[in-house]
Amino acid sequence: MSESSWVHPTHDDPTVAALSESVGGPMGQRAGRHPWWSPVRVLLVLTALTFAAGMLAKAPCAADEWQDNTLRYTHMCYSDLPFLYGLRGMADLHWPYTDDAEVRAEFEVMEYPAGISYWAWGTGVVTWALSGAPDVDDPARDMPREGTLYVAVNAVGFALVALLTTWFMAGVTRRRPWDAAGFALAPALAVTGIMNWDLLAVVFVAGAAWAWAKDRPVLTGVLIGVGTAVKLYPLFLLGAVLVICLRGRRWTALAGAFLGAAVAWLLANAPALLTGPEQWKVFWSFNSDRGADLGSVWLMVQQMMGPGTWIDVGLINDGSWAFFLLWCVGVLVLGLKAPQSPRFAQLGFLILAGFLLVNKVYSPQYVLWLLPLAVLAHPRWRDLLIWQAGEIFYFAAVWWWLGGLLDPAQGEYSVIYWAAIALRIAAQLWLVAMVVRGVLDPDEDPVGGRDPAVESALVDARPATQK
């Protein structure tokens, strides 16, 4: 595609256009003409800088080998990685799905899906090699000295994942590569990218959006299936495929995507299932038995009911799934009744947002789940920044609350923490409203036009004389 056909955000986005006045105004015809600096290359550099800023933010905790219990909250530099490295046996090179009785007596089973467990174990092997085979008999192996090296090894891998995510996103809508800047420059990427392994699933979400835009439904399903083996939520993207295929009566594409997802998920889980089926089940039982937890509306309601009050786990599970089912029905009706076929990212974002609104836990890094879909669904900087402002405030409030910095007279409960949860939910609902508006009125959709895969299918269906 020629450079002149790219949509530049200083011409397309009112917020970016207004900000550009401070540096000379919107992009001119003679600006940015260097042949090497294509939009994708610029976006990759921006992603690298954002991710580097996120790594730098972890420096206070890394400098103290993650030992200072106060610093992690005051400087908001906490990461799960160095702790789980020791507590789940990766520091001793134990396969996550071993059923060895001695190992299981010493280390808890990884509570994450297979894809994350493989990665966590593999980066442990790399860390072991780089650190010169540390002493496994060290009594402090629950927080090994090489924990910071383990974080660094993972961070390098995450950086590559983030770059690949940007590349995928830049290719979803060929005339709008700059939309991926919403991911490349996202504050949420900087502050949460190294907190846990969630970024591993993000690349499969972006890859699925890219594959669908290229009208490759089987590849879309494969990426969704592998992504689901990393984190459960990419599974919900099949809902977007379902709506689009129902509208277009694309039964072959629908079957290909679903079959590809199922086969890919089974193959990705096979090593875990074959070596430790009981350990593999822990992810499912852990999440089923989990009560109201960090950042959820359930926790806020439970705390508001007074000290010592607990909402039954069964009620939370049933209530969450009932709400999510009704939400999905609403998205289905919206997608089928819309004036034209919604885009994959719009439907995927709406489905996932409904899941997160009532999920019984909302860890700070869960914002990454929504990030690529939000950017592709509604590439408008004003609304993306409103949403992320709510997420960043919630991110800060979580650490202040956990560190005891928000404790009012009533002890463990904090009105400020409740306000942060409510603000995060309100910010997500704001972006949901913007996406719904774009679905109902395509003139309000910043991208405009049908889903790229739908456009391709329509062209392929025309008689040769009309192509």
Protein backbone atom coordinates (compact mmCIF):
# COMPACT_ATOMS: atom_id res chain seq x y z
CA MET A 1 0.00 0.00 0.00
CA SER A 2 1.33 3.44 -0.91
CA GLU A 3 2.34 5.89 1.81
CA SER A 4 -0.20 8.45 0.62
CA SER A 5 -3.08 6.10 1.40
CA TRP A 6 -2.17 5.68 5.10
CA VAL A 7 -4.49 7.42 7.54
CA HIS A 8 -2.35 9.61 9.78
CA PRO A 9 -3.67 10.26 13.31
CA THR A 10 -2.93 14.00 13.13
CA HIS A 11 -5.49 14.19 10.31
CA ASP A 12 -7.93 11.60 11.64
CA ASP A 13 -7.96 11.94 15.44
CA PRO A 14 -9.06 15.31 16.91
CA THR A 15 -7.07 14.76 20.11
CA VAL A 16 -3.84 13.94 18.26
CA ALA A 17 -4.44 16.82 15.85
CA ALA A 18 -4.81 19.25 18.77
CA LEU A 19 -1.67 17.93 20.48
CA SER A 20 0.28 18.18 17.23
CA GLU A 21 -0.09 21.98 17.31
CA SER A 22 2.63 22.06 19.96
CA VAL A 23 5.11 20.58 17.47
CA GLY A 24 4.08 22.42 14.32
CA GLY A 25 0.65 21.05 13.50
CA PRO A 26 -0.66 18.02 11.59
CA MET A 27 1.60 15.93 9.37
CA GLY A 28 2.39 17.73 6.14
CA GLN A 29 2.89 16.31 2.66
CA ARG A 30 6.68 16.52 2.90
CA ALA A 31 7.03 15.31 6.50
CA GLY A 32 8.09 11.78 7.44
CA ARG A 33 9.35 10.87 3.98
CA HIS A 34 12.45 8.94 5.01
CA PRO A 35 12.17 5.63 3.10
CA TRP A 36 13.36 3.48 6.02
CA TRP A 37 11.10 4.93 8.73
CA SER A 38 7.86 3.21 7.81
CA PRO A 39 4.95 3.39 10.27
CA VAL A 40 5.60 -0.17 11.45
CA ARG A 41 9.26 0.55 12.24
CA VAL A 42 8.34 3.71 14.11
CA LEU A 43 5.70 1.79 16.06
CA LEU A 44 8.20 -0.90 16.98
CA VAL A 45 10.59 1.72 18.34
CA LEU A 46 7.78 3.32 20.35
CA THR A 47 6.84 -0.10 21.75
CA ALA A 48 10.44 -0.74 22.77
CA LEU A 49 10.66 2.63 24.53
CA THR A 50 7.39 2.08 26.39
CA PHE A 51 8.44 -1.37 27.48
CA ALA A 52 11.86 -0.09 28.57
CA ALA A 53 10.10 2.51 30.72
CA GLY A 54 8.14 -0.31 32.32
CA MET A 55 11.32 -2.24 33.06
CA LEU A 56 12.87 0.88 34.58
CA ALA A 57 9.85 1.25 36.87
CA LYS A 58 10.72 -2.15 38.40
CA ALA A 59 14.25 -1.01 39.27
CA PRO A 60 13.55 -0.06 42.92
CA CYS A 61 12.28 -3.57 43.70
CA ALA A 62 14.99 -5.26 41.65
CA ALA A 63 17.72 -3.29 43.42
CA ASP A 64 16.61 -4.82 46.73
CA GLU A 65 16.18 -8.31 45.22
CA TRP A 66 12.41 -7.98 45.75
CA GLN A 67 12.80 -8.32 49.52
CA ASP A 68 11.45 -4.96 50.76
CA ASN A 69 7.76 -5.49 51.57
CA THR A 70 7.13 -1.74 51.83
CA LEU A 71 8.96 -0.67 48.68
CA ARG A 72 6.89 -2.88 46.41
CA TYR A 73 3.76 -0.94 47.43
CA THR A 74 5.09 2.60 47.77
CA HIS A 75 6.95 2.40 44.45
CA MET A 76 4.35 0.14 42.81
CA CYS A 77 7.09 -2.10 41.41
CA TYR A 78 5.76 -5.49 42.48
CA SER A 79 5.95 -8.50 40.15
CA ASP A 80 4.73 -12.06 40.69
CA LEU A 81 7.64 -13.49 38.74
CA PRO A 82 10.50 -13.64 41.28
CA PHE A 83 8.23 -15.05 43.96
CA LEU A 84 6.61 -17.77 41.87
CA TYR A 85 10.03 -18.64 40.45
CA GLY A 86 10.96 -20.03 43.84
CA LEU A 87 7.58 -20.99 45.27
CA ARG A 88 6.48 -23.09 42.29
CA GLY A 89 9.75 -24.95 41.83
CA MET A 90 11.03 -23.32 38.64
CA ALA A 91 14.19 -22.28 40.50
CA ASP A 92 14.93 -25.99 40.98
CA LEU A 93 14.02 -26.90 37.39
CA HIS A 94 11.02 -28.97 38.40
CA TRP A 95 8.61 -29.64 35.54
CA PRO A 96 5.32 -27.91 36.47
CA TYR A 97 3.31 -31.09 35.86
CA THR A 98 5.44 -33.60 37.69
CA ASP A 99 3.60 -35.85 40.11
CA ASP A 100 6.73 -36.63 42.12
CA ALA A 101 5.60 -36.85 45.75
CA GLU A 102 8.67 -35.09 47.16
CA VAL A 103 8.37 -32.20 44.74
CA ARG A 104 4.65 -31.82 45.38
CA ALA A 105 5.25 -31.88 49.15
CA GLU A 106 7.65 -28.94 48.82
CA PHE A 107 6.15 -26.89 46.00
CA GLU A 108 2.58 -25.96 45.12
CA VAL A 109 1.32 -26.66 41.62
CA MET A 110 1.29 -23.77 39.16
CA GLU A 111 -2.22 -22.29 39.19
CA TYR A 112 -1.93 -21.03 35.61
CA PRO A 113 -2.84 -22.65 32.28
CA ALA A 114 -0.37 -24.86 30.50
CA GLY A 115 1.03 -22.24 28.13
CA ILE A 116 2.18 -20.00 30.97
CA SER A 117 3.56 -22.96 32.90
CA TYR A 118 5.67 -24.01 29.92
CA TRP A 119 7.03 -20.49 29.53
CA ALA A 120 7.70 -20.08 33.27
CA TRP A 121 9.58 -23.38 33.33
CA GLY A 122 11.51 -22.63 30.12
CA THR A 123 12.67 -19.22 31.32
CA GLY A 124 13.69 -20.94 34.55
CA VAL A 125 15.94 -23.24 32.51
CA VAL A 126 17.49 -20.20 30.80
CA THR A 127 17.97 -18.47 34.15
CA TRP A 128 19.59 -21.59 35.58
CA ALA A 129 22.05 -21.69 32.66
CA LEU A 130 22.91 -17.99 32.91
CA SER A 131 23.39 -18.10 36.68
CA GLY A 132 25.75 -21.06 36.57
CA ALA A 133 23.53 -23.79 38.10
CA PRO A 134 22.71 -22.30 41.53
CA ASP A 135 22.73 -24.30 44.77
CA VAL A 136 19.39 -26.10 45.05
CA ASP A 137 20.06 -26.87 48.73
CA ASP A 138 20.09 -23.18 49.65
CA PRO A 139 17.51 -22.78 52.45
CA ALA A 140 16.33 -19.51 50.89
CA ARG A 141 15.15 -21.09 47.65
CA ASP A 142 11.64 -19.67 48.14
CA MET A 143 13.21 -16.36 47.07
CA PRO A 144 16.35 -17.34 45.15
CA ARG A 145 19.15 -14.86 44.64
CA GLU A 146 18.76 -15.20 40.90
CA GLY A 147 15.12 -14.02 41.05
CA THR A 148 16.03 -10.68 39.47
CA LEU A 149 17.81 -12.50 36.64
CA TYR A 150 14.66 -14.57 36.16
CA VAL A 151 12.62 -11.37 35.83
CA ALA A 152 15.14 -10.00 33.33
CA VAL A 153 15.01 -13.18 31.22
CA ASN A 154 11.22 -13.02 31.16
CA ALA A 155 11.29 -9.28 30.40
CA VAL A 156 13.41 -9.87 27.30
CA GLY A 157 10.90 -12.44 26.11
CA PHE A 158 7.99 -10.14 26.94
CA ALA A 159 9.62 -7.32 24.98
CA LEU A 160 9.76 -9.52 21.88
CA VAL A 161 6.13 -10.50 22.48
CA ALA A 162 5.14 -6.83 22.73
CA LEU A 163 6.94 -6.03 19.48
CA LEU A 164 5.19 -8.90 17.70
CA THR A 165 1.86 -7.71 19.10
CA THR A 166 2.45 -4.24 17.65
CA TRP A 167 3.39 -5.75 14.29
CA PHE A 168 0.18 -7.78 14.21
CA MET A 169 -1.95 -4.79 15.16
CA ALA A 170 -0.38 -2.54 12.55
CA GLY A 171 -1.42 -5.04 9.88
CA VAL A 172 -5.06 -5.49 10.88
CA THR A 173 -6.31 -2.51 8.86
CA ARG A 174 -3.76 -1.85 6.13
CA ARG A 175 -4.64 1.80 5.63
CA ARG A 176 -4.49 2.50 9.37
CA PRO A 177 -1.16 1.15 10.70
CA TRP A 178 -0.89 4.06 13.12
CA ASP A 179 -3.83 2.74 15.14
CA ALA A 180 -1.32 0.38 16.78
CA ALA A 181 0.25 3.41 18.47
CA GLY A 182 -2.54 3.11 21.03
CA PHE A 183 -0.86 -0.11 22.14
CA ALA A 184 2.74 0.95 21.55
CA LEU A 185 2.41 4.05 23.75
CA ALA A 186 -0.11 2.70 26.27
CA PRO A 187 0.63 3.64 29.90
CA ALA A 188 -1.00 0.34 30.87
CA LEU A 189 1.61 -1.58 28.89
CA ALA A 190 4.42 0.19 30.73
CA VAL A 191 3.11 -0.31 34.27
CA THR A 192 1.72 -3.85 34.00
CA GLY A 193 3.72 -5.57 31.26
CA ILE A 194 6.12 -7.35 33.63
CA MET A 195 3.77 -7.99 36.55
CA ASN A 196 2.81 -11.48 35.47
CA TRP A 197 2.74 -13.63 32.33
CA ASP A 198 -0.48 -12.14 30.91
CA LEU A 199 1.31 -10.48 28.01
CA LEU A 200 1.87 -13.94 26.53
CA ALA A 201 -1.84 -14.26 25.74
CA VAL A 202 -2.07 -10.74 24.34
CA VAL A 203 0.06 -11.58 21.31
CA PHE A 204 -2.32 -14.41 20.36
CA VAL A 205 -5.30 -12.04 20.62
CA ALA A 206 -3.57 -9.55 18.32
CA GLY A 207 -2.50 -12.38 16.04
CA ALA A 208 -6.08 -13.67 15.81
CA ALA A 209 -7.31 -10.19 14.86
CA TRP A 210 -4.59 -10.00 12.20
CA ALA A 211 -5.36 -13.47 10.81
CA TRP A 212 -9.08 -12.71 10.66
CA ALA A 213 -8.40 -9.45 8.82
CA LYS A 214 -6.43 -11.49 6.25
CA ASP A 215 -9.47 -13.78 5.86
CA ARG A 216 -7.67 -16.80 7.28
CA PRO A 217 -10.28 -18.33 9.59
CA VAL A 218 -8.40 -21.56 10.31
CA LEU A 219 -5.28 -19.63 11.38
CA THR A 220 -7.53 -17.38 13.43
CA GLY A 221 -8.88 -20.43 15.24
CA VAL A 222 -5.40 -21.88 15.77
CA LEU A 223 -4.17 -18.65 17.37
CA ILE A 224 -7.28 -18.47 19.55
CA GLY A 225 -6.76 -22.09 20.59
CA VAL A 226 -3.12 -21.62 21.54
CA GLY A 227 -4.00 -18.35 23.26
CA THR A 228 -6.64 -20.18 25.30
CA ALA A 229 -3.94 -22.62 26.40
CA VAL A 230 -2.08 -19.59 27.77
CA LYS A 231 -5.06 -17.78 29.32
CA LEU A 232 -8.72 -18.69 29.16
CA TYR A 233 -10.05 -15.39 27.83
CA PRO A 234 -8.94 -15.66 24.15
CA LEU A 235 -11.60 -18.38 23.90
CA PHE A 236 -14.24 -15.64 23.96
CA LEU A 237 -13.01 -14.34 20.60
CA LEU A 238 -14.82 -17.26 19.01
CA GLY A 239 -17.97 -15.35 19.90
CA ALA A 240 -16.88 -12.58 17.54
CA VAL A 241 -16.25 -15.15 14.81
CA LEU A 242 -19.70 -16.65 15.44
CA VAL A 243 -21.53 -13.33 15.07
CA ILE A 244 -19.70 -12.33 11.88
CA CYS A 245 -20.16 -15.75 10.29
CA LEU A 246 -23.84 -15.91 11.21
CA ARG A 247 -24.40 -12.56 9.53
CA GLY A 248 -22.51 -13.57 6.40
CA ARG A 249 -23.59 -17.23 6.42
CA ARG A 250 -19.94 -18.17 6.25
CA TRP A 251 -20.34 -21.71 7.51
CA THR A 252 -16.98 -22.96 6.19
CA ALA A 253 -15.12 -20.15 7.90
CA LEU A 254 -17.05 -20.76 11.12
CA ALA A 255 -16.25 -24.47 11.11
CA GLY A 256 -12.61 -23.85 10.23
CA ALA A 257 -12.10 -21.36 13.05
CA PHE A 258 -13.79 -23.52 15.69
CA LEU A 259 -12.05 -26.70 14.57
CA GLY A 260 -8.68 -24.96 14.39
CA ALA A 261 -9.16 -23.61 17.92
CA ALA A 262 -10.10 -27.00 19.35
CA VAL A 263 -7.21 -28.88 17.74
CA ALA A 264 -4.66 -26.21 18.64
CA TRP A 265 -5.86 -26.10 22.26
CA LEU A 266 -5.63 -29.87 22.62
CA LEU A 267 -2.16 -30.04 21.09
CA ALA A 268 -0.91 -27.17 23.25
CA ASN A 269 -2.20 -28.86 26.40
CA ALA A 270 -1.01 -32.35 25.44
CA PRO A 271 2.39 -32.25 27.23
CA ALA A 272 0.70 -31.20 30.48
CA LEU A 273 -2.14 -33.69 30.15
CA LEU A 274 0.19 -36.57 29.36
CA THR A 275 2.69 -35.87 32.16
CA GLY A 276 0.46 -34.62 34.96
CA PRO A 277 -3.31 -34.63 34.41
CA GLU A 278 -4.03 -33.97 38.09
CA GLN A 279 -1.67 -31.00 38.12
CA TRP A 280 -3.25 -29.76 34.88
CA LYS A 281 -6.65 -29.67 36.60
CA VAL A 282 -5.40 -27.31 39.32
CA PHE A 283 -5.98 -24.23 37.16
CA TRP A 284 -9.64 -25.12 36.82
CA SER A 285 -10.22 -26.06 40.45
CA PHE A 286 -8.27 -23.06 41.73
CA ASN A 287 -10.41 -20.61 39.79
CA SER A 288 -13.65 -22.41 40.58
CA ASP A 289 -12.97 -22.41 44.33
CA ARG A 290 -11.67 -18.84 44.45
CA GLY A 291 -13.83 -16.34 46.32
CA ALA A 292 -14.27 -12.59 45.88
CA ASP A 293 -10.77 -11.31 45.26
CA LEU A 294 -8.64 -8.33 44.40
CA GLY A 295 -10.29 -5.50 42.50
CA SER A 296 -13.62 -7.16 41.77
CA VAL A 297 -17.06 -5.68 42.25
CA TRP A 298 -17.78 -8.76 44.36
CA LEU A 299 -15.01 -7.84 46.81
CA MET A 300 -16.26 -4.27 47.03
CA VAL A 301 -19.81 -5.44 47.80
CA GLN A 302 -18.53 -8.00 50.29
CA GLN A 303 -16.52 -5.38 52.15
CA MET A 304 -19.43 -2.95 52.12
CA MET A 305 -21.57 -5.58 53.83
CA GLY A 306 -19.34 -5.31 56.89
CA PRO A 307 -16.42 -7.05 58.60
CA GLY A 308 -16.60 -10.83 58.63
CA THR A 309 -19.08 -10.99 55.76
CA TRP A 310 -18.39 -13.50 53.00
CA ILE A 311 -20.29 -13.97 49.78
CA ASP A 312 -20.72 -17.65 48.97
CA VAL A 313 -18.37 -18.80 46.20
CA GLY A 314 -21.18 -20.69 44.49
CA LEU A 315 -23.30 -17.54 44.39
CA ILE A 316 -20.41 -15.57 42.91
CA ASN A 317 -19.76 -18.23 40.26
CA ASP A 318 -23.42 -18.53 39.32
CA GLY A 319 -23.99 -14.77 39.34
CA SER A 320 -20.90 -14.05 37.26
CA TRP A 321 -21.69 -16.64 34.61
CA ALA A 322 -25.36 -15.66 34.46
CA PHE A 323 -24.44 -12.02 33.89
CA PHE A 324 -21.83 -12.96 31.31
CA LEU A 325 -24.27 -15.20 29.45
CA LEU A 326 -26.85 -12.41 29.28
CA TRP A 327 -24.13 -9.99 28.19
CA CYS A 328 -23.10 -12.35 25.38
CA VAL A 329 -26.71 -12.63 24.25
CA GLY A 330 -26.81 -8.84 24.14
CA VAL A 331 -23.64 -8.71 22.03
CA LEU A 332 -25.10 -11.36 19.72
CA VAL A 333 -28.29 -9.34 19.21
CA LEU A 334 -26.29 -6.15 18.74
CA GLY A 335 -24.04 -7.80 16.18
CA LEU A 336 -26.91 -9.33 14.21
CA LYS A 337 -29.05 -6.18 14.25
CA ALA A 338 -26.26 -3.71 13.45
CA PRO A 339 -26.60 -1.90 10.10
CA GLN A 340 -23.47 -3.64 8.84
CA SER A 341 -21.26 -6.44 10.10
CA PRO A 342 -19.28 -5.25 13.13
CA ARG A 343 -15.54 -5.63 13.12
CA PHE A 344 -13.83 -8.56 14.85
CA ALA A 345 -12.14 -6.27 17.38
CA GLN A 346 -15.39 -4.50 18.26
CA LEU A 347 -17.20 -7.74 19.06
CA GLY A 348 -14.20 -9.27 20.82
CA PHE A 349 -13.77 -6.19 23.01
CA LEU A 350 -17.43 -6.08 23.99
CA ILE A 351 -17.52 -9.77 24.91
CA LEU A 352 -14.34 -9.62 26.97
CA ALA A 353 -15.37 -6.40 28.72
CA GLY A 354 -18.54 -8.10 29.92
CA PHE A 355 -16.51 -10.97 31.35
CA LEU A 356 -14.15 -8.65 33.23
CA LEU A 357 -16.89 -6.42 34.62
CA VAL A 358 -18.16 -9.22 36.89
CA ASN A 359 -15.14 -11.49 37.16
CA LYS A 360 -14.41 -12.36 40.78
CA VAL A 361 -10.87 -11.03 40.52
CA TYR A 362 -9.38 -8.11 38.60
CA SER A 363 -5.62 -8.13 38.99
CA PRO A 364 -3.97 -4.88 37.79
CA GLN A 365 -2.42 -6.57 34.76
CA TYR A 366 -5.82 -7.66 33.45
CA VAL A 367 -5.98 -4.35 31.61
CA LEU A 368 -3.63 -6.02 29.11
CA TRP A 369 -6.40 -8.43 28.17
CA LEU A 370 -8.48 -5.58 26.81
CA LEU A 371 -5.69 -3.39 25.45
CA PRO A 372 -5.19 -4.66 21.87
CA LEU A 373 -8.91 -5.15 21.29
CA ALA A 374 -9.75 -1.72 22.73
CA VAL A 375 -7.19 -0.01 20.52
CA LEU A 376 -8.42 -1.77 17.39
CA ALA A 377 -12.11 -1.45 18.28
CA HIS A 378 -12.04 2.29 18.95
CA PRO A 379 -8.79 4.00 17.93
CA ARG A 380 -9.59 7.40 19.44
CA TRP A 381 -6.99 8.74 21.85
CA ARG A 382 -9.42 10.77 23.95
CA ASP A 383 -11.50 7.74 24.85
CA LEU A 384 -8.54 5.39 25.19
CA LEU A 385 -6.89 7.81 27.62
CA ILE A 386 -10.11 8.21 29.63
CA TRP A 387 -10.28 4.44 29.96
CA GLN A 388 -6.61 4.04 30.86
CA ALA A 389 -6.77 6.89 33.37
CA GLY A 390 -9.33 4.83 35.28
CA GLU A 391 -7.10 1.76 35.00
CA ILE A 392 -3.98 3.60 36.18
CA PHE A 393 -5.80 5.09 39.17
CA TYR A 394 -6.99 1.60 40.06
CA PHE A 395 -3.44 0.27 39.60
CA ALA A 396 -2.09 2.80 42.11
CA ALA A 397 -4.94 2.29 44.57
CA VAL A 398 -4.40 -1.48 44.67
CA TRP A 399 -0.81 -1.10 45.86
CA TRP A 400 -1.63 1.69 48.29
CA TRP A 401 -4.41 -0.44 49.75
CA LEU A 402 -2.31 -3.60 49.98
CA GLY A 403 0.49 -1.57 51.58
CA GLY A 404 -1.85 -0.19 54.22
CA LEU A 405 -1.52 3.36 52.90
CA LEU A 406 -5.27 3.84 52.48
CA ASP A 407 -6.42 2.38 55.81
CA PRO A 408 -9.15 4.54 57.33
CA ALA A 409 -10.57 4.18 60.81
CA GLN A 410 -12.42 0.98 59.93
CA GLY A 411 -9.18 -0.91 59.28
CA GLU A 412 -8.88 -3.10 56.21
CA TYR A 413 -11.71 -1.44 54.29
CA SER A 414 -11.04 1.70 52.27
CA VAL A 415 -13.54 4.01 50.60
CA ILE A 416 -10.76 5.20 48.30
CA TYR A 417 -10.13 1.63 47.19
CA TRP A 418 -13.84 1.14 46.54
CA ALA A 419 -13.86 4.39 44.55
CA ALA A 420 -10.93 3.14 42.47
CA ILE A 421 -12.80 -0.07 41.61
CA ALA A 422 -15.93 1.91 40.73
CA LEU A 423 -13.92 4.36 38.62
CA ARG A 424 -12.24 1.54 36.72
CA ILE A 425 -15.59 -0.05 35.96
CA ALA A 426 -17.03 3.32 34.88
CA ALA A 427 -14.04 3.91 32.58
CA GLN A 428 -14.50 0.49 30.99
CA LEU A 429 -18.20 1.15 30.51
CA TRP A 430 -17.37 4.48 28.86
CA LEU A 431 -15.27 2.69 26.27
CA VAL A 432 -17.95 0.03 25.89
CA ALA A 433 -20.45 2.79 25.12
CA MET A 434 -18.13 4.29 22.49
CA VAL A 435 -17.69 0.92 20.78
CA VAL A 436 -21.43 0.19 20.86
CA ARG A 437 -22.08 3.59 19.30
CA GLY A 438 -19.68 2.73 16.49
CA VAL A 439 -21.42 -0.60 15.90
CA LEU A 440 -24.89 0.97 15.80
CA ASP A 441 -23.79 3.91 13.66
CA PRO A 442 -20.88 3.09 11.32
CA ASP A 443 -20.39 6.81 10.73
CA GLU A 444 -19.31 7.03 14.40
CA ASP A 445 -16.82 4.18 13.99
CA PRO A 446 -13.33 5.73 13.61
CA VAL A 447 -12.26 2.90 11.32
CA GLY A 448 -15.46 2.82 9.26
CA GLY A 449 -16.40 0.13 6.77
CA ARG A 450 -17.04 -3.54 7.35
CA ASP A 451 -14.75 -6.04 8.97
CA PRO A 452 -11.76 -6.58 6.60
CA ALA A 453 -12.44 -10.32 6.34
CA VAL A 454 -16.07 -9.63 5.44
CA GLU A 455 -15.00 -7.19 2.73
CA SER A 456 -12.64 -9.81 1.32
CA ALA A 457 -15.37 -12.45 1.32
CA LEU A 458 -17.77 -10.12 -0.46
CA VAL A 459 -15.20 -9.38 -3.16
CA ASP A 460 -14.50 -13.09 -3.64
CA ALA A 461 -18.24 -13.76 -4.01
CA ARG A 462 -18.74 -11.26 -6.81
CA PRO A 463 -18.83 -12.35 -10.44
CA ALA A 464 -15.48 -11.95 -12.18
CA THR A 465 -16.83 -9.08 -14.30
CA GLN A 466 -17.60 -7.06 -11.17
CA LYS A 467 -14.25 -7.53 -9.43
